[in-house]
């Protein structure tokens, strides 16, 4: 669990039935009332971005996300093949998983 007061850009959290990355955050301490944190979050599964506010001190579960550099190899039907550049392992993902950026992939792109 992580407190919203400890947010950092790039932090990943589990919230609202999804995995989200913190893009921006701002701690606000108004003259009256309790402090709160304004955030801009990106859903890592769907790609949508939302702005939301959390109460100061609220705790959320941390999402463990593994980041790897992969090289685009080829596309077969609606499946896209990538290769891990350090181990040469290949994985296939659905075109819908990547979404709009799939149109801009070129052979050998990392």
N, C-alpha and C. Protein backbone atom coordinates (compact mmCIF):
# COMPACT_ATOMS: atom_id res chain seq x y z
N UNK A 1 0.84 -1.18 0.00
CA UNK A 1 0.00 0.00 0.00
C UNK A 1 0.89 1.25 0.00
N UNK A 2 0.43 2.24 -0.73
CA UNK A 2 1.16 3.51 -0.79
C UNK A 2 0.18 4.64 -0.48
N UNK A 3 0.66 5.61 0.25
CA UNK A 3 -0.15 6.79 0.55
C UNK A 3 -0.14 7.71 -0.67
N UNK A 4 -1.26 8.36 -0.94
CA UNK A 4 -1.30 9.28 -2.08
C UNK A 4 -0.35 10.45 -1.86
N UNK A 5 0.04 10.70 -0.62
CA UNK A 5 1.00 11.77 -0.32
C UNK A 5 2.40 11.41 -0.83
N UNK A 6 2.64 10.12 -1.07
CA UNK A 6 3.96 9.65 -1.53
C UNK A 6 4.00 9.38 -3.02
N UNK A 7 3.00 9.81 -3.77
CA UNK A 7 2.98 9.60 -5.22
C UNK A 7 4.21 10.20 -5.88
N UNK A 8 4.67 9.52 -6.93
CA UNK A 8 5.75 10.02 -7.79
C UNK A 8 5.31 9.80 -9.22
N UNK A 9 5.79 10.60 -10.14
CA UNK A 9 5.48 10.42 -11.55
C UNK A 9 6.00 9.05 -11.99
N UNK A 10 5.13 8.28 -12.66
CA UNK A 10 5.50 6.95 -13.10
C UNK A 10 5.10 5.84 -12.13
N UNK A 11 4.68 6.22 -10.91
CA UNK A 11 4.23 5.23 -9.92
C UNK A 11 3.01 4.48 -10.47
N UNK A 12 2.94 3.18 -10.25
CA UNK A 12 1.79 2.41 -10.72
C UNK A 12 0.96 1.96 -9.52
N UNK A 13 -0.36 2.08 -9.67
CA UNK A 13 -1.28 1.73 -8.59
C UNK A 13 -2.42 0.88 -9.13
N UNK A 14 -3.06 0.16 -8.24
CA UNK A 14 -4.28 -0.56 -8.57
C UNK A 14 -5.43 0.28 -8.02
N UNK A 15 -6.35 0.66 -8.89
CA UNK A 15 -7.45 1.52 -8.47
C UNK A 15 -8.58 1.40 -9.48
N UNK A 16 -9.79 1.43 -9.02
CA UNK A 16 -10.95 1.47 -9.89
C UNK A 16 -10.95 0.32 -10.92
N UNK A 17 -10.66 -0.89 -10.45
CA UNK A 17 -10.64 -2.09 -11.30
C UNK A 17 -9.65 -2.00 -12.46
N UNK A 18 -8.49 -1.41 -12.23
CA UNK A 18 -7.49 -1.32 -13.28
C UNK A 18 -6.11 -1.02 -12.72
N UNK A 19 -5.13 -1.03 -13.60
CA UNK A 19 -3.76 -0.66 -13.25
C UNK A 19 -3.51 0.72 -13.86
N UNK A 20 -3.11 1.66 -13.03
CA UNK A 20 -2.96 3.06 -13.43
C UNK A 20 -1.55 3.55 -13.17
N UNK A 21 -1.08 4.44 -14.03
CA UNK A 21 0.22 5.09 -13.86
C UNK A 21 -0.01 6.56 -13.55
N UNK A 22 0.70 7.08 -12.55
CA UNK A 22 0.56 8.49 -12.17
C UNK A 22 1.35 9.33 -13.17
N UNK A 23 0.65 10.19 -13.92
CA UNK A 23 1.30 11.05 -14.89
C UNK A 23 1.66 12.40 -14.26
N UNK A 24 0.74 12.94 -13.46
CA UNK A 24 0.96 14.21 -12.77
C UNK A 24 0.26 14.14 -11.43
N UNK A 25 0.76 14.90 -10.46
CA UNK A 25 0.09 14.99 -9.17
C UNK A 25 0.40 16.35 -8.54
N UNK A 26 -0.52 16.80 -7.70
CA UNK A 26 -0.35 18.09 -7.04
C UNK A 26 -0.97 18.00 -5.65
N UNK A 27 -0.15 18.25 -4.62
CA UNK A 27 -0.65 18.28 -3.25
C UNK A 27 -1.26 19.65 -3.01
N UNK A 28 -2.50 19.68 -2.52
CA UNK A 28 -3.20 20.94 -2.28
C UNK A 28 -3.58 21.01 -0.81
N UNK A 29 -3.21 22.11 -0.16
CA UNK A 29 -3.57 22.35 1.24
C UNK A 29 -4.38 23.64 1.30
N UNK A 30 -5.70 23.53 1.21
CA UNK A 30 -6.52 24.74 1.24
C UNK A 30 -6.52 25.37 2.64
N UNK A 31 -6.90 26.63 2.71
CA UNK A 31 -6.97 27.32 4.00
C UNK A 31 -7.97 26.67 4.93
N UNK A 32 -9.09 26.25 4.38
CA UNK A 32 -10.10 25.55 5.16
C UNK A 32 -10.20 24.11 4.67
N UNK A 33 -10.45 23.20 5.56
CA UNK A 33 -10.65 21.81 5.16
C UNK A 33 -9.36 21.01 5.12
N UNK A 34 -9.53 19.76 4.71
CA UNK A 34 -8.40 18.83 4.69
C UNK A 34 -7.62 18.93 3.38
N UNK A 35 -6.37 18.50 3.45
CA UNK A 35 -5.53 18.48 2.25
C UNK A 35 -6.00 17.38 1.31
N UNK A 36 -5.69 17.55 0.02
CA UNK A 36 -6.03 16.53 -0.97
C UNK A 36 -4.97 16.52 -2.06
N UNK A 37 -5.01 15.49 -2.89
CA UNK A 37 -4.03 15.32 -3.97
C UNK A 37 -4.79 15.23 -5.28
N UNK A 38 -4.51 16.16 -6.20
CA UNK A 38 -5.07 16.13 -7.55
C UNK A 38 -4.12 15.34 -8.43
N UNK A 39 -4.67 14.40 -9.20
CA UNK A 39 -3.82 13.56 -10.02
C UNK A 39 -4.34 13.44 -11.45
N UNK A 40 -3.42 13.12 -12.35
CA UNK A 40 -3.76 12.72 -13.71
C UNK A 40 -3.22 11.31 -13.85
N UNK A 41 -4.13 10.35 -14.10
CA UNK A 41 -3.79 8.94 -14.15
C UNK A 41 -4.04 8.37 -15.54
N UNK A 42 -3.17 7.44 -15.96
CA UNK A 42 -3.33 6.76 -17.25
C UNK A 42 -3.57 5.29 -16.98
N UNK A 43 -4.65 4.76 -17.56
CA UNK A 43 -4.95 3.34 -17.45
C UNK A 43 -3.99 2.58 -18.36
N UNK A 44 -3.17 1.70 -17.80
CA UNK A 44 -2.16 0.99 -18.59
C UNK A 44 -2.75 -0.12 -19.45
N UNK A 45 -3.97 -0.55 -19.15
CA UNK A 45 -4.60 -1.60 -19.93
C UNK A 45 -5.41 -1.04 -21.09
N UNK A 46 -6.10 0.07 -20.87
CA UNK A 46 -6.97 0.65 -21.90
C UNK A 46 -6.39 1.88 -22.57
N UNK A 47 -5.48 2.58 -21.88
CA UNK A 47 -4.84 3.75 -22.46
C UNK A 47 -5.54 5.07 -22.19
N UNK A 48 -6.71 5.03 -21.54
CA UNK A 48 -7.41 6.30 -21.28
C UNK A 48 -6.78 7.05 -20.11
N UNK A 49 -6.95 8.37 -20.12
CA UNK A 49 -6.38 9.25 -19.10
C UNK A 49 -7.52 9.96 -18.39
N UNK A 50 -7.45 9.98 -17.05
CA UNK A 50 -8.46 10.69 -16.28
C UNK A 50 -7.79 11.58 -15.24
N UNK A 51 -8.52 12.58 -14.80
CA UNK A 51 -8.07 13.42 -13.70
C UNK A 51 -8.99 13.14 -12.53
N UNK A 52 -8.40 12.91 -11.36
CA UNK A 52 -9.19 12.60 -10.17
C UNK A 52 -8.52 13.20 -8.94
N UNK A 53 -9.26 13.22 -7.85
CA UNK A 53 -8.77 13.79 -6.60
C UNK A 53 -8.88 12.75 -5.50
N UNK A 54 -7.84 12.65 -4.68
CA UNK A 54 -7.83 11.75 -3.53
C UNK A 54 -7.70 12.56 -2.25
N UNK A 55 -8.29 12.07 -1.16
CA UNK A 55 -8.11 12.70 0.14
C UNK A 55 -6.67 12.50 0.59
N UNK A 56 -6.11 13.47 1.26
CA UNK A 56 -4.74 13.35 1.76
C UNK A 56 -4.60 12.17 2.70
N UNK A 57 -3.56 11.37 2.53
CA UNK A 57 -3.31 10.23 3.39
C UNK A 57 -4.01 8.95 2.97
N UNK A 58 -4.85 9.02 1.95
CA UNK A 58 -5.54 7.81 1.46
C UNK A 58 -4.50 6.81 0.96
N UNK A 59 -4.75 5.53 1.21
CA UNK A 59 -3.79 4.49 0.82
C UNK A 59 -4.38 3.64 -0.31
N UNK A 60 -3.52 3.32 -1.28
CA UNK A 60 -3.91 2.52 -2.44
C UNK A 60 -2.88 1.40 -2.63
N UNK A 61 -3.32 0.25 -3.18
CA UNK A 61 -2.35 -0.83 -3.43
C UNK A 61 -1.42 -0.49 -4.60
N UNK A 62 -0.16 -0.87 -4.45
CA UNK A 62 0.84 -0.65 -5.49
C UNK A 62 0.71 -1.77 -6.53
N UNK A 63 0.81 -1.43 -7.80
CA UNK A 63 0.79 -2.42 -8.87
C UNK A 63 2.23 -2.69 -9.29
N UNK A 64 2.62 -3.94 -9.28
CA UNK A 64 3.97 -4.31 -9.71
C UNK A 64 3.94 -4.52 -11.21
N UNK A 65 4.57 -3.63 -11.93
CA UNK A 65 4.59 -3.67 -13.39
C UNK A 65 6.02 -3.86 -13.84
N UNK A 66 6.22 -4.85 -14.70
CA UNK A 66 7.56 -5.11 -15.24
C UNK A 66 7.69 -4.38 -16.57
N UNK A 67 8.74 -3.62 -16.72
CA UNK A 67 8.99 -2.88 -17.95
C UNK A 67 10.22 -3.47 -18.63
N UNK A 68 10.07 -3.79 -19.92
CA UNK A 68 11.17 -4.35 -20.70
C UNK A 68 11.22 -3.67 -22.06
N UNK A 69 12.42 -3.58 -22.59
CA UNK A 69 12.55 -3.09 -23.95
C UNK A 69 12.36 -4.28 -24.88
N UNK A 70 11.40 -4.14 -25.78
CA UNK A 70 11.09 -5.21 -26.73
C UNK A 70 11.24 -4.66 -28.15
N UNK A 71 11.56 -5.55 -29.06
CA UNK A 71 11.72 -5.17 -30.46
C UNK A 71 10.56 -5.76 -31.26
N UNK A 72 9.94 -4.93 -32.08
CA UNK A 72 8.84 -5.39 -32.94
C UNK A 72 9.42 -6.23 -34.06
N UNK A 73 8.88 -7.45 -34.24
CA UNK A 73 9.36 -8.33 -35.29
C UNK A 73 8.42 -8.36 -36.49
N UNK A 74 7.18 -8.81 -36.26
CA UNK A 74 6.25 -8.93 -37.39
C UNK A 74 4.81 -9.04 -36.88
N UNK A 75 3.88 -8.94 -37.83
CA UNK A 75 2.46 -9.05 -37.54
C UNK A 75 1.88 -10.20 -38.36
N UNK A 76 1.08 -11.05 -37.70
CA UNK A 76 0.41 -12.15 -38.37
C UNK A 76 -1.08 -12.06 -38.05
N UNK A 77 -1.88 -11.66 -39.02
CA UNK A 77 -3.31 -11.48 -38.76
C UNK A 77 -3.51 -10.36 -37.75
N UNK A 78 -4.15 -10.69 -36.63
CA UNK A 78 -4.34 -9.68 -35.58
C UNK A 78 -3.39 -9.90 -34.41
N UNK A 79 -2.35 -10.71 -34.59
CA UNK A 79 -1.34 -10.98 -33.56
C UNK A 79 -0.02 -10.30 -33.92
N UNK A 80 0.63 -9.72 -32.92
CA UNK A 80 1.89 -9.00 -33.13
C UNK A 80 2.97 -9.69 -32.30
N UNK A 81 4.12 -9.91 -32.91
CA UNK A 81 5.22 -10.61 -32.24
C UNK A 81 6.33 -9.63 -31.88
N UNK A 82 6.75 -9.70 -30.61
CA UNK A 82 7.84 -8.88 -30.10
C UNK A 82 8.92 -9.80 -29.56
N UNK A 83 10.17 -9.28 -29.50
CA UNK A 83 11.29 -10.06 -28.98
C UNK A 83 11.97 -9.27 -27.87
N UNK A 84 12.25 -9.94 -26.77
CA UNK A 84 13.03 -9.37 -25.68
C UNK A 84 14.47 -9.26 -26.16
N UNK A 85 15.02 -8.05 -26.19
CA UNK A 85 16.35 -7.85 -26.76
C UNK A 85 17.48 -8.41 -25.91
N UNK A 86 17.22 -8.71 -24.64
CA UNK A 86 18.28 -9.25 -23.80
C UNK A 86 18.29 -10.78 -23.78
N UNK A 87 17.11 -11.42 -23.85
CA UNK A 87 17.05 -12.88 -23.77
C UNK A 87 16.64 -13.53 -25.09
N UNK A 88 16.21 -12.74 -26.05
CA UNK A 88 15.74 -13.20 -27.35
C UNK A 88 14.46 -14.04 -27.26
N UNK A 89 13.75 -13.95 -26.13
CA UNK A 89 12.45 -14.60 -26.01
C UNK A 89 11.43 -13.81 -26.82
N UNK A 90 10.51 -14.53 -27.45
CA UNK A 90 9.48 -13.86 -28.26
C UNK A 90 8.12 -14.02 -27.59
N UNK A 91 7.32 -12.96 -27.68
CA UNK A 91 5.95 -13.03 -27.17
C UNK A 91 5.01 -12.50 -28.24
N UNK A 92 3.78 -13.01 -28.21
CA UNK A 92 2.74 -12.56 -29.12
C UNK A 92 1.65 -11.89 -28.32
N UNK A 93 1.19 -10.75 -28.81
CA UNK A 93 0.07 -10.04 -28.17
C UNK A 93 -0.97 -9.70 -29.22
N UNK A 94 -2.19 -9.51 -28.77
CA UNK A 94 -3.26 -9.14 -29.68
C UNK A 94 -3.14 -7.68 -30.09
N UNK A 95 -3.54 -7.40 -31.31
CA UNK A 95 -3.49 -6.04 -31.83
C UNK A 95 -4.31 -5.09 -30.95
N UNK A 96 -5.43 -5.57 -30.41
CA UNK A 96 -6.28 -4.73 -29.57
C UNK A 96 -5.60 -4.34 -28.26
N UNK A 97 -4.61 -5.12 -27.81
CA UNK A 97 -3.87 -4.80 -26.59
C UNK A 97 -3.04 -3.53 -26.78
N UNK A 98 -2.48 -3.35 -27.96
CA UNK A 98 -1.63 -2.19 -28.24
C UNK A 98 -2.47 -0.99 -28.66
N UNK A 99 -3.53 -1.24 -29.41
CA UNK A 99 -4.43 -0.17 -29.80
C UNK A 99 -3.92 0.65 -30.97
N UNK A 100 -4.18 1.95 -30.93
CA UNK A 100 -3.87 2.90 -32.01
C UNK A 100 -2.40 2.89 -32.45
N UNK A 101 -1.42 2.83 -31.52
CA UNK A 101 -0.01 2.90 -31.94
C UNK A 101 0.44 1.78 -32.87
N UNK A 102 -0.35 0.70 -33.00
CA UNK A 102 0.06 -0.42 -33.84
C UNK A 102 0.25 0.02 -35.30
N UNK A 103 -0.44 1.07 -35.71
CA UNK A 103 -0.32 1.56 -37.09
C UNK A 103 1.05 2.14 -37.38
N UNK A 104 1.78 2.53 -36.33
CA UNK A 104 3.06 3.22 -36.51
C UNK A 104 4.27 2.31 -36.29
N UNK A 105 4.05 1.02 -36.02
CA UNK A 105 5.16 0.11 -35.81
C UNK A 105 5.84 -0.25 -37.12
N UNK A 106 7.16 -0.24 -37.10
CA UNK A 106 7.96 -0.65 -38.27
C UNK A 106 8.86 -1.79 -37.82
N UNK A 107 9.25 -2.63 -38.75
CA UNK A 107 10.14 -3.75 -38.43
C UNK A 107 11.39 -3.26 -37.73
N UNK A 108 11.74 -3.90 -36.61
CA UNK A 108 12.95 -3.57 -35.89
C UNK A 108 12.79 -2.45 -34.87
N UNK A 109 11.60 -1.85 -34.77
CA UNK A 109 11.38 -0.77 -33.81
C UNK A 109 11.49 -1.30 -32.39
N UNK A 110 12.17 -0.56 -31.53
CA UNK A 110 12.28 -0.96 -30.12
C UNK A 110 11.28 -0.16 -29.31
